[in-house]
């Protein structure tokens, strides 16, 4: 695990979704909150005090080294999971 700052940024001028919320990790865009969840996340950001925000980035290219030394390369869907603790 690598510890990097996580920030959620509202994008009211986003041409695809005026309710868009970008997920930034270490200043880099890694994805967006889903359309199904972005209204709730915006409500939390605008009316609650966020005390902790963390993200887990998973997926992408990876390799498995088997017991016999053979290396298998594979990839699977990229995902970002966000945890918001608020009061």
N, C-alpha and C. Protein backbone atom coordinates (compact mmCIF):
# COMPACT_ATOMS: atom_id res chain seq x y z
N UNK A 1 0.83 -1.18 0.00
CA UNK A 1 0.00 0.00 0.00
C UNK A 1 0.88 1.24 0.00
N UNK A 2 0.44 2.24 -0.73
CA UNK A 2 1.16 3.49 -0.81
C UNK A 2 0.22 4.59 -0.32
N UNK A 3 0.72 5.42 0.57
CA UNK A 3 -0.09 6.48 1.14
C UNK A 3 0.07 7.75 0.31
N UNK A 4 -1.00 8.19 -0.33
CA UNK A 4 -1.02 9.41 -1.13
C UNK A 4 -2.29 10.18 -0.80
N UNK A 5 -2.26 11.51 -0.92
CA UNK A 5 -3.45 12.29 -0.62
C UNK A 5 -4.57 12.03 -1.63
N UNK A 6 -5.80 11.94 -1.11
CA UNK A 6 -6.99 11.72 -1.93
C UNK A 6 -7.87 12.95 -1.81
N UNK A 7 -8.43 13.37 -2.94
CA UNK A 7 -9.31 14.54 -2.94
C UNK A 7 -10.47 14.27 -3.89
N UNK A 8 -11.67 14.69 -3.49
CA UNK A 8 -12.84 14.62 -4.36
C UNK A 8 -13.15 16.03 -4.84
N UNK A 9 -13.30 16.20 -6.16
CA UNK A 9 -13.47 17.52 -6.74
C UNK A 9 -14.76 17.55 -7.56
N UNK A 10 -15.67 18.43 -7.17
CA UNK A 10 -16.90 18.60 -7.93
C UNK A 10 -16.57 19.28 -9.26
N UNK A 11 -17.23 18.84 -10.34
CA UNK A 11 -17.00 19.40 -11.67
C UNK A 11 -18.33 19.83 -12.29
N UNK A 12 -18.89 20.95 -11.84
CA UNK A 12 -20.18 21.38 -12.38
C UNK A 12 -20.15 21.72 -13.86
N UNK A 13 -18.98 21.99 -14.42
CA UNK A 13 -18.84 22.31 -15.85
C UNK A 13 -18.48 21.09 -16.68
N UNK A 14 -18.51 19.90 -16.09
CA UNK A 14 -18.21 18.68 -16.83
C UNK A 14 -19.24 18.50 -17.95
N UNK A 15 -18.80 18.37 -19.21
CA UNK A 15 -19.75 18.29 -20.33
C UNK A 15 -20.57 17.00 -20.34
N UNK A 16 -20.14 15.96 -19.64
CA UNK A 16 -20.85 14.68 -19.64
C UNK A 16 -21.84 14.56 -18.49
N UNK A 17 -21.57 15.26 -17.39
CA UNK A 17 -22.43 15.16 -16.22
C UNK A 17 -22.19 16.36 -15.32
N UNK A 18 -23.16 17.26 -15.18
CA UNK A 18 -22.97 18.44 -14.33
C UNK A 18 -22.84 18.11 -12.84
N UNK A 19 -23.17 16.88 -12.46
CA UNK A 19 -23.01 16.44 -11.07
C UNK A 19 -21.73 15.65 -10.86
N UNK A 20 -20.83 15.65 -11.82
CA UNK A 20 -19.62 14.84 -11.77
C UNK A 20 -18.76 15.19 -10.56
N UNK A 21 -18.17 14.14 -9.97
CA UNK A 21 -17.20 14.29 -8.87
C UNK A 21 -15.96 13.50 -9.26
N UNK A 22 -14.87 14.21 -9.47
CA UNK A 22 -13.61 13.58 -9.86
C UNK A 22 -12.90 13.05 -8.62
N UNK A 23 -12.19 11.93 -8.80
CA UNK A 23 -11.37 11.34 -7.74
C UNK A 23 -9.91 11.61 -8.11
N UNK A 24 -9.25 12.39 -7.25
CA UNK A 24 -7.86 12.74 -7.48
C UNK A 24 -7.00 12.05 -6.43
N UNK A 25 -5.91 11.41 -6.86
CA UNK A 25 -4.95 10.79 -5.94
C UNK A 25 -3.59 11.37 -6.27
N UNK A 26 -2.98 11.99 -5.28
CA UNK A 26 -1.67 12.64 -5.45
C UNK A 26 -1.70 13.63 -6.61
N UNK A 27 -2.83 14.34 -6.75
CA UNK A 27 -2.96 15.35 -7.80
C UNK A 27 -3.30 14.81 -9.17
N UNK A 28 -3.45 13.50 -9.32
CA UNK A 28 -3.75 12.89 -10.61
C UNK A 28 -5.19 12.38 -10.64
N UNK A 29 -5.88 12.63 -11.74
CA UNK A 29 -7.24 12.11 -11.93
C UNK A 29 -7.18 10.60 -12.11
N UNK A 30 -7.89 9.86 -11.24
CA UNK A 30 -7.90 8.40 -11.36
C UNK A 30 -9.28 7.87 -11.72
N UNK A 31 -10.29 8.73 -11.70
CA UNK A 31 -11.64 8.29 -12.06
C UNK A 31 -12.69 9.25 -11.55
N UNK A 32 -13.95 8.79 -11.65
CA UNK A 32 -15.09 9.59 -11.23
C UNK A 32 -16.02 8.75 -10.37
N UNK A 33 -16.69 9.41 -9.44
CA UNK A 33 -17.76 8.77 -8.69
C UNK A 33 -18.86 8.42 -9.70
N UNK A 34 -19.49 7.26 -9.54
CA UNK A 34 -20.52 6.83 -10.48
C UNK A 34 -21.71 7.80 -10.49
N UNK A 35 -22.42 7.83 -11.61
CA UNK A 35 -23.62 8.68 -11.71
C UNK A 35 -24.65 8.33 -10.64
N UNK A 36 -24.70 7.04 -10.28
CA UNK A 36 -25.67 6.60 -9.27
C UNK A 36 -25.33 7.15 -7.89
N UNK A 37 -24.05 7.43 -7.63
CA UNK A 37 -23.62 7.85 -6.31
C UNK A 37 -23.21 9.31 -6.20
N UNK A 38 -23.02 10.00 -7.33
CA UNK A 38 -22.43 11.34 -7.25
C UNK A 38 -23.31 12.36 -6.53
N UNK A 39 -24.63 12.26 -6.62
CA UNK A 39 -25.49 13.21 -5.91
C UNK A 39 -25.31 13.07 -4.40
N UNK A 40 -25.24 11.84 -3.90
CA UNK A 40 -25.05 11.61 -2.47
C UNK A 40 -23.67 12.09 -2.03
N UNK A 41 -22.65 11.83 -2.81
CA UNK A 41 -21.30 12.27 -2.46
C UNK A 41 -21.24 13.80 -2.44
N UNK A 42 -21.87 14.45 -3.40
CA UNK A 42 -21.90 15.92 -3.42
C UNK A 42 -22.61 16.45 -2.18
N UNK A 43 -23.68 15.79 -1.77
CA UNK A 43 -24.41 16.22 -0.58
C UNK A 43 -23.51 16.11 0.65
N UNK A 44 -22.75 15.04 0.76
CA UNK A 44 -21.82 14.86 1.88
C UNK A 44 -20.75 15.95 1.85
N UNK A 45 -20.18 16.19 0.69
CA UNK A 45 -19.12 17.20 0.57
C UNK A 45 -19.60 18.60 0.94
N UNK A 46 -20.87 18.89 0.63
CA UNK A 46 -21.39 20.24 0.83
C UNK A 46 -22.10 20.46 2.16
N UNK A 47 -22.45 19.41 2.88
CA UNK A 47 -23.22 19.61 4.11
C UNK A 47 -22.65 18.89 5.32
N UNK A 48 -21.58 18.16 5.16
CA UNK A 48 -21.00 17.41 6.27
C UNK A 48 -19.52 17.76 6.41
N UNK A 49 -18.95 17.40 7.55
CA UNK A 49 -17.52 17.55 7.75
C UNK A 49 -16.85 16.21 7.47
N UNK A 50 -16.05 16.16 6.42
CA UNK A 50 -15.32 14.94 6.08
C UNK A 50 -14.10 14.86 6.99
N UNK A 51 -14.01 13.77 7.76
CA UNK A 51 -12.90 13.62 8.70
C UNK A 51 -11.83 12.65 8.18
N UNK A 52 -12.20 11.83 7.21
CA UNK A 52 -11.22 10.92 6.62
C UNK A 52 -11.70 10.54 5.22
N UNK A 53 -10.77 10.51 4.30
CA UNK A 53 -11.06 10.14 2.92
C UNK A 53 -9.93 9.25 2.45
N UNK A 54 -10.26 8.05 1.98
CA UNK A 54 -9.22 7.15 1.50
C UNK A 54 -9.70 6.45 0.23
N UNK A 55 -8.74 5.95 -0.52
CA UNK A 55 -9.05 5.27 -1.78
C UNK A 55 -8.16 4.05 -1.94
N UNK A 56 -8.70 3.04 -2.58
CA UNK A 56 -7.94 1.84 -2.94
C UNK A 56 -8.04 1.69 -4.44
N UNK A 57 -6.91 1.65 -5.11
CA UNK A 57 -6.87 1.47 -6.56
C UNK A 57 -6.49 0.03 -6.84
N UNK A 58 -7.30 -0.67 -7.61
CA UNK A 58 -7.04 -2.07 -7.92
C UNK A 58 -7.17 -2.33 -9.41
N UNK A 59 -6.71 -3.48 -9.81
CA UNK A 59 -6.85 -3.89 -11.20
C UNK A 59 -5.67 -3.47 -12.05
N UNK A 60 -5.84 -3.65 -13.33
CA UNK A 60 -4.78 -3.33 -14.27
C UNK A 60 -3.89 -4.53 -14.54
N UNK A 61 -2.74 -4.30 -15.13
CA UNK A 61 -1.81 -5.38 -15.47
C UNK A 61 -1.17 -5.93 -14.20
N UNK A 62 -1.00 -7.24 -14.16
CA UNK A 62 -0.30 -7.87 -13.05
C UNK A 62 0.30 -9.17 -13.52
N UNK A 63 1.16 -9.76 -12.68
CA UNK A 63 1.75 -11.06 -13.02
C UNK A 63 1.72 -11.96 -11.80
N UNK A 64 1.64 -13.24 -12.07
CA UNK A 64 1.66 -14.26 -11.03
C UNK A 64 2.87 -15.14 -11.31
N UNK A 65 3.69 -15.35 -10.29
CA UNK A 65 4.82 -16.27 -10.43
C UNK A 65 4.44 -17.55 -9.71
N UNK A 66 4.34 -18.63 -10.48
CA UNK A 66 3.92 -19.91 -9.93
C UNK A 66 5.08 -20.63 -9.24
N UNK A 67 4.76 -21.69 -8.51
CA UNK A 67 5.78 -22.45 -7.77
C UNK A 67 6.88 -22.98 -8.67
N UNK A 68 6.54 -23.33 -9.91
CA UNK A 68 7.56 -23.87 -10.82
C UNK A 68 8.37 -22.76 -11.50
N UNK A 69 8.12 -21.50 -11.13
CA UNK A 69 8.87 -20.39 -11.70
C UNK A 69 8.23 -19.78 -12.93
N UNK A 70 7.19 -20.39 -13.46
CA UNK A 70 6.52 -19.85 -14.64
C UNK A 70 5.80 -18.55 -14.27
N UNK A 71 5.91 -17.57 -15.14
CA UNK A 71 5.25 -16.29 -14.93
C UNK A 71 4.03 -16.19 -15.83
N UNK A 72 2.91 -15.86 -15.24
CA UNK A 72 1.67 -15.66 -15.99
C UNK A 72 1.32 -14.19 -15.90
N UNK A 73 1.17 -13.55 -17.05
CA UNK A 73 0.76 -12.15 -17.08
C UNK A 73 -0.72 -12.10 -17.42
N UNK A 74 -1.41 -11.20 -16.74
CA UNK A 74 -2.85 -11.07 -16.97
C UNK A 74 -3.25 -9.65 -16.61
N UNK A 75 -4.49 -9.33 -16.82
CA UNK A 75 -5.02 -8.04 -16.39
C UNK A 75 -6.51 -8.21 -16.13
N UNK A 76 -7.01 -7.35 -15.30
CA UNK A 76 -8.44 -7.35 -15.03
C UNK A 76 -8.88 -5.91 -14.83
N UNK A 77 -10.17 -5.71 -14.73
CA UNK A 77 -10.74 -4.37 -14.68
C UNK A 77 -10.17 -3.46 -13.62
N UNK A 78 -9.83 -2.27 -14.02
CA UNK A 78 -9.35 -1.23 -13.14
C UNK A 78 -10.51 -0.73 -12.29
N UNK A 79 -10.27 -0.48 -11.02
CA UNK A 79 -11.32 0.05 -10.15
C UNK A 79 -10.72 0.94 -9.08
N UNK A 80 -11.55 1.85 -8.58
CA UNK A 80 -11.17 2.71 -7.47
C UNK A 80 -12.30 2.63 -6.46
N UNK A 81 -11.97 2.27 -5.23
CA UNK A 81 -12.95 2.23 -4.15
C UNK A 81 -12.64 3.39 -3.21
N UNK A 82 -13.69 4.12 -2.85
CA UNK A 82 -13.55 5.31 -2.00
C UNK A 82 -14.25 5.07 -0.67
N UNK A 83 -13.59 5.48 0.42
CA UNK A 83 -14.21 5.45 1.75
C UNK A 83 -14.23 6.87 2.27
N UNK A 84 -15.42 7.33 2.66
CA UNK A 84 -15.59 8.68 3.20
C UNK A 84 -16.13 8.56 4.62
N UNK A 85 -15.39 9.10 5.57
CA UNK A 85 -15.86 9.15 6.95
C UNK A 85 -16.23 10.60 7.23
N UNK A 86 -17.44 10.81 7.67
CA UNK A 86 -17.91 12.18 7.90
C UNK A 86 -18.77 12.24 9.16
N UNK A 87 -18.93 13.47 9.65
CA UNK A 87 -19.81 13.69 10.81
C UNK A 87 -20.83 14.75 10.48
